[in-house]
Amino acid sequence: MNLMHEELARAKSLERLERAHHERRSVELLRAKRLTRRAERAALQARLHLARMI
């Protein structure tokens, strides 16, 4: 009986760890997408600025 409780606790703990890892990964991907969009906007602004100078 005690072994079953330990296995259940271990399984729940593993599930929480996996969920936390997935959430962290999602946050990292969103941050990367935001940074990519920001870099693309900055590159576009730089190209426009150069085009106006020519």
PDB file of N, CA and C in Angstrom:
ATOM      1  N   MET A   1       0.827  -1.196   0.000  1.00  0.00           N
ATOM      2  CA  MET A   1       0.000   0.000   0.000  1.00  0.00           C
ATOM      3  C   MET A   1       0.870   1.258   0.000  1.00  0.00           C
ATOM      4  N   ASN A   2       1.896   1.255   0.841  1.00  0.00           N
ATOM      5  CA  ASN A   2       2.782   2.409   0.928  1.00  0.00           C
ATOM      6  C   ASN A   2       3.512   2.629  -0.389  1.00  0.00           C
ATOM      7  N   LEU A   3       3.901   1.552  -1.040  1.00  0.00           N
ATOM      8  CA  LEU A   3       4.605   1.651  -2.319  1.00  0.00           C
ATOM      9  C   LEU A   3       3.717   2.312  -3.369  1.00  0.00           C
ATOM     10  N   MET A   4       2.424   1.985  -3.357  1.00  0.00           N
ATOM     11  CA  MET A   4       1.492   2.606  -4.301  1.00  0.00           C
ATOM     12  C   MET A   4       1.428   4.116  -4.083  1.00  0.00           C
ATOM     13  N   HIS A   5       1.402   4.540  -2.814  1.00  0.00           N
ATOM     14  CA  HIS A   5       1.349   5.970  -2.503  1.00  0.00           C
ATOM     15  C   HIS A   5       2.631   6.669  -2.973  1.00  0.00           C
ATOM     16  N   GLU A   6       3.759   6.017  -2.789  1.00  0.00           N
ATOM     17  CA  GLU A   6       5.030   6.600  -3.230  1.00  0.00           C
ATOM     18  C   GLU A   6       5.065   6.731  -4.752  1.00  0.00           C
ATOM     19  N   GLU A   7       4.592   5.704  -5.441  1.00  0.00           N
ATOM     20  CA  GLU A   7       4.584   5.749  -6.902  1.00  0.00           C
ATOM     21  C   GLU A   7       3.647   6.834  -7.411  1.00  0.00           C
ATOM     22  N   LEU A   8       2.489   6.965  -6.764  1.00  0.00           N
ATOM     23  CA  LEU A   8       1.540   8.010  -7.151  1.00  0.00           C
ATOM     24  C   LEU A   8       2.140   9.394  -6.901  1.00  0.00           C
ATOM     25  N   ALA A   9       2.787   9.578  -5.761  1.00  0.00           N
ATOM     26  CA  ALA A   9       3.418  10.861  -5.448  1.00  0.00           C
ATOM     27  C   ALA A   9       4.530  11.165  -6.456  1.00  0.00           C
ATOM     28  N   ARG A  10       5.305  10.153  -6.807  1.00  0.00           N
ATOM     29  CA  ARG A  10       6.387  10.327  -7.777  1.00  0.00           C
ATOM     30  C   ARG A  10       5.818  10.707  -9.156  1.00  0.00           C
ATOM     31  N   ALA A  11       4.740  10.040  -9.550  1.00  0.00           N
ATOM     32  CA  ALA A  11       4.114  10.326 -10.841  1.00  0.00           C
ATOM     33  C   ALA A  11       3.563  11.749 -10.874  1.00  0.00           C
ATOM     34  N   LYS A  12       2.931  12.178  -9.778  1.00  0.00           N
ATOM     35  CA  LYS A  12       2.390  13.543  -9.723  1.00  0.00           C
ATOM     36  C   LYS A  12       3.516  14.564  -9.759  1.00  0.00           C
ATOM     37  N   SER A  13       4.598  14.276  -9.065  1.00  0.00           N
ATOM     38  CA  SER A  13       5.740  15.178  -9.052  1.00  0.00           C
ATOM     39  C   SER A  13       6.341  15.298 -10.444  1.00  0.00           C
ATOM     40  N   LEU A  14       6.494  14.179 -11.121  1.00  0.00           N
ATOM     41  CA  LEU A  14       7.029  14.179 -12.477  1.00  0.00           C
ATOM     42  C   LEU A  14       6.116  14.967 -13.419  1.00  0.00           C
ATOM     43  N   GLU A  15       4.813  14.795 -13.261  1.00  0.00           N
ATOM     44  CA  GLU A  15       3.853  15.520 -14.092  1.00  0.00           C
ATOM     45  C   GLU A  15       3.981  17.028 -13.873  1.00  0.00           C
ATOM     46  N   ARG A  16       4.128  17.443 -12.605  1.00  0.00           N
ATOM     47  CA  ARG A  16       4.291  18.876 -12.316  1.00  0.00           C
ATOM     48  C   ARG A  16       5.580  19.422 -12.926  1.00  0.00           C
ATOM     49  N   LEU A  17       6.654  18.643 -12.830  1.00  0.00           N
ATOM     50  CA  LEU A  17       7.921  19.069 -13.419  1.00  0.00           C
ATOM     51  C   LEU A  17       7.808  19.210 -14.930  1.00  0.00           C
ATOM     52  N   GLU A  18       7.164  18.261 -15.562  1.00  0.00           N
ATOM     53  CA  GLU A  18       6.991  18.315 -17.020  1.00  0.00           C
ATOM     54  C   GLU A  18       6.134  19.509 -17.422  1.00  0.00           C
ATOM     55  N   ARG A  19       5.083  19.765 -16.665  1.00  0.00           N
ATOM     56  CA  ARG A  19       4.213  20.904 -16.968  1.00  0.00           C
ATOM     57  C   ARG A  19       4.987  22.219 -16.806  1.00  0.00           C
ATOM     58  N   ALA A  20       5.774  22.331 -15.745  1.00  0.00           N
ATOM     59  CA  ALA A  20       6.563  23.542 -15.520  1.00  0.00           C
ATOM     60  C   ALA A  20       7.578  23.732 -16.641  1.00  0.00           C
ATOM     61  N   HIS A  21       8.196  22.647 -17.063  1.00  0.00           N
ATOM     62  CA  HIS A  21       9.172  22.727 -18.155  1.00  0.00           C
ATOM     63  C   HIS A  21       8.487  23.199 -19.439  1.00  0.00           C
ATOM     64  N   HIS A  22       7.322  22.654 -19.719  1.00  0.00           N
ATOM     65  CA  HIS A  22       6.569  23.035 -20.919  1.00  0.00           C
ATOM     66  C   HIS A  22       6.191  24.515 -20.871  1.00  0.00           C
ATOM     67  N   GLU A  23       5.753  24.986 -19.706  1.00  0.00           N
ATOM     68  CA  GLU A  23       5.369  26.397 -19.567  1.00  0.00           C
ATOM     69  C   GLU A  23       6.576  27.307 -19.750  1.00  0.00           C
ATOM     70  N   ARG A  24       7.723  26.913 -19.170  1.00  0.00           N
ATOM     71  CA  ARG A  24       8.938  27.716 -19.343  1.00  0.00           C
ATOM     72  C   ARG A  24       9.338  27.774 -20.811  1.00  0.00           C
ATOM     73  N   ARG A  25       9.239  26.631 -21.487  1.00  0.00           N
ATOM     74  CA  ARG A  25       9.590  26.572 -22.914  1.00  0.00           C
ATOM     75  C   ARG A  25       8.661  27.479 -23.728  1.00  0.00           C
ATOM     76  N   SER A  26       7.377  27.476 -23.379  1.00  0.00           N
ATOM     77  CA  SER A  26       6.417  28.339 -24.079  1.00  0.00           C
ATOM     78  C   SER A  26       6.768  29.808 -23.892  1.00  0.00           C
ATOM     79  N   VAL A  27       7.125  30.176 -22.677  1.00  0.00           N
ATOM     80  CA  VAL A  27       7.496  31.568 -22.390  1.00  0.00           C
ATOM     81  C   VAL A  27       8.745  31.945 -23.177  1.00  0.00           C
ATOM     82  N   GLU A  28       9.721  31.027 -23.227  1.00  0.00           N
ATOM     83  CA  GLU A  28      10.955  31.295 -23.977  1.00  0.00           C
ATOM     84  C   GLU A  28      10.664  31.479 -25.470  1.00  0.00           C
ATOM     85  N   LEU A  29       9.780  30.657 -26.014  1.00  0.00           N
ATOM     86  CA  LEU A  29       9.442  30.786 -27.432  1.00  0.00           C
ATOM     87  C   LEU A  29       8.733  32.108 -27.717  1.00  0.00           C
ATOM     88  N   LEU A  30       7.830  32.505 -26.842  1.00  0.00           N
ATOM     89  CA  LEU A  30       7.144  33.789 -27.027  1.00  0.00           C
ATOM     90  C   LEU A  30       8.130  34.942 -26.969  1.00  0.00           C
ATOM     91  N   ARG A  31       9.064  34.875 -26.029  1.00  0.00           N
ATOM     92  CA  ARG A  31      10.078  35.924 -25.911  1.00  0.00           C
ATOM     93  C   ARG A  31      10.939  35.985 -27.180  1.00  0.00           C
ATOM     94  N   ALA A  32      11.321  34.827 -27.692  1.00  0.00           N
ATOM     95  CA  ALA A  32      12.128  34.781 -28.910  1.00  0.00           C
ATOM     96  C   ALA A  32      11.359  35.368 -30.095  1.00  0.00           C
ATOM     97  N   LYS A  33      10.076  35.064 -30.192  1.00  0.00           N
ATOM     98  CA  LYS A  33       9.268  35.620 -31.282  1.00  0.00           C
ATOM     99  C   LYS A  33       9.171  37.134 -31.181  1.00  0.00           C
ATOM    100  N   ARG A  34       8.988  37.637 -29.944  1.00  0.00           N
ATOM    101  CA  ARG A  34       8.923  39.088 -29.747  1.00  0.00           C
ATOM    102  C   ARG A  34      10.235  39.747 -30.152  1.00  0.00           C
ATOM    103  N   LEU A  35      11.355  39.153 -29.724  1.00  0.00           N
ATOM    104  CA  LEU A  35      12.660  39.720 -30.063  1.00  0.00           C
ATOM    105  C   LEU A  35      12.902  39.689 -31.563  1.00  0.00           C
ATOM    106  N   THR A  36      12.451  38.622 -32.219  1.00  0.00           N
ATOM    107  CA  THR A  36      12.607  38.520 -33.670  1.00  0.00           C
ATOM    108  C   THR A  36      11.815  39.623 -34.359  1.00  0.00           C
ATOM    109  N   ARG A  37      10.571  39.823 -33.934  1.00  0.00           N
ATOM    110  CA  ARG A  37       9.755  40.889 -34.535  1.00  0.00           C
ATOM    111  C   ARG A  37      10.390  42.255 -34.309  1.00  0.00           C
ATOM    112  N   ARG A  38      10.916  42.456 -33.103  1.00  0.00           N
ATOM    113  CA  ARG A  38      11.558  43.740 -32.803  1.00  0.00           C
ATOM    114  C   ARG A  38      12.785  43.949 -33.691  1.00  0.00           C
ATOM    115  N   ALA A  39      13.584  42.904 -33.885  1.00  0.00           N
ATOM    116  CA  ALA A  39      14.770  43.006 -34.737  1.00  0.00           C
ATOM    117  C   ALA A  39      14.372  43.257 -36.191  1.00  0.00           C
ATOM    118  N   GLU A  40      13.313  42.591 -36.639  1.00  0.00           N
ATOM    119  CA  GLU A  40      12.848  42.813 -38.017  1.00  0.00           C
ATOM    120  C   GLU A  40      12.376  44.241 -38.216  1.00  0.00           C
ATOM    121  N   ARG A  41      11.659  44.780 -37.229  1.00  0.00           N
ATOM    122  CA  ARG A  41      11.211  46.182 -37.317  1.00  0.00           C
ATOM    123  C   ARG A  41      12.410  47.133 -37.350  1.00  0.00           C
ATOM    124  N   ALA A  42      13.399  46.873 -36.508  1.00  0.00           N
ATOM    125  CA  ALA A  42      14.589  47.724 -36.471  1.00  0.00           C
ATOM    126  C   ALA A  42      15.331  47.667 -37.804  1.00  0.00           C
ATOM    127  N   ALA A  43      15.436  46.475 -38.390  1.00  0.00           N
ATOM    128  CA  ALA A  43      16.111  46.329 -39.690  1.00  0.00           C
ATOM    129  C   ALA A  43      15.343  47.091 -40.767  1.00  0.00           C
ATOM    130  N   LEU A  44      14.029  47.009 -40.740  1.00  0.00           N
ATOM    131  CA  LEU A  44      13.213  47.736 -41.721  1.00  0.00           C
ATOM    132  C   LEU A  44      13.402  49.240 -41.561  1.00  0.00           C
ATOM    133  N   GLN A  45      13.391  49.704 -40.324  1.00  0.00           N
ATOM    134  CA  GLN A  45      13.599  51.136 -40.078  1.00  0.00           C
ATOM    135  C   GLN A  45      14.970  51.574 -40.584  1.00  0.00           C
ATOM    136  N   ALA A  46      15.976  50.749 -40.372  1.00  0.00           N
ATOM    137  CA  ALA A  46      17.324  51.086 -40.840  1.00  0.00           C
ATOM    138  C   ALA A  46      17.361  51.150 -42.365  1.00  0.00           C
ATOM    139  N   ARG A  47      16.707  50.195 -43.022  1.00  0.00           N
ATOM    140  CA  ARG A  47      16.668  50.218 -44.499  1.00  0.00           C
ATOM    141  C   ARG A  47      15.928  51.463 -45.003  1.00  0.00           C
ATOM    142  N   LEU A  48      14.829  51.804 -44.377  1.00  0.00           N
ATOM    143  CA  LEU A  48      14.079  52.997 -44.783  1.00  0.00           C
ATOM    144  C   LEU A  48      14.919  54.260 -44.590  1.00  0.00           C
ATOM    145  N   HIS A  49      15.613  54.309 -43.465  1.00  0.00           N
ATOM    146  CA  HIS A  49      16.461  55.461 -43.171  1.00  0.00           C
ATOM    147  C   HIS A  49      17.560  55.585 -44.224  1.00  0.00           C
ATOM    148  N   LEU A  50      18.191  54.464 -44.580  1.00  0.00           N
ATOM    149  CA  LEU A  50      19.231  54.481 -45.605  1.00  0.00           C
ATOM    150  C   LEU A  50      18.668  54.899 -46.951  1.00  0.00           C
ATOM    151  N   ALA A  51      17.491  54.408 -47.281  1.00  0.00           N
ATOM    152  CA  ALA A  51      16.867  54.739 -48.570  1.00  0.00           C
ATOM    153  C   ALA A  51      16.588  56.250 -48.655  1.00  0.00           C
ATOM    154  N   ARG A  52      16.198  56.851 -47.534  1.00  0.00           N
ATOM    155  CA  ARG A  52      15.921  58.295 -47.538  1.00  0.00           C
ATOM    156  C   ARG A  52      17.205  59.100 -47.701  1.00  0.00           C
ATOM    157  N   MET A  53      18.307  58.560 -47.204  1.00  0.00           N
ATOM    158  CA  MET A  53      19.587  59.289 -47.270  1.00  0.00           C
ATOM    159  C   MET A  53      20.186  59.275 -48.679  1.00  0.00           C
ATOM    160  N   ILE A  54      19.823  58.273 -49.441  1.00  0.00           N
ATOM    161  CA  ILE A  54      20.422  58.133 -50.785  1.00  0.00           C
ATOM    162  C   ILE A  54      19.802  59.105 -51.765  1.00  0.00           C
TER     163      ILE A  54
END
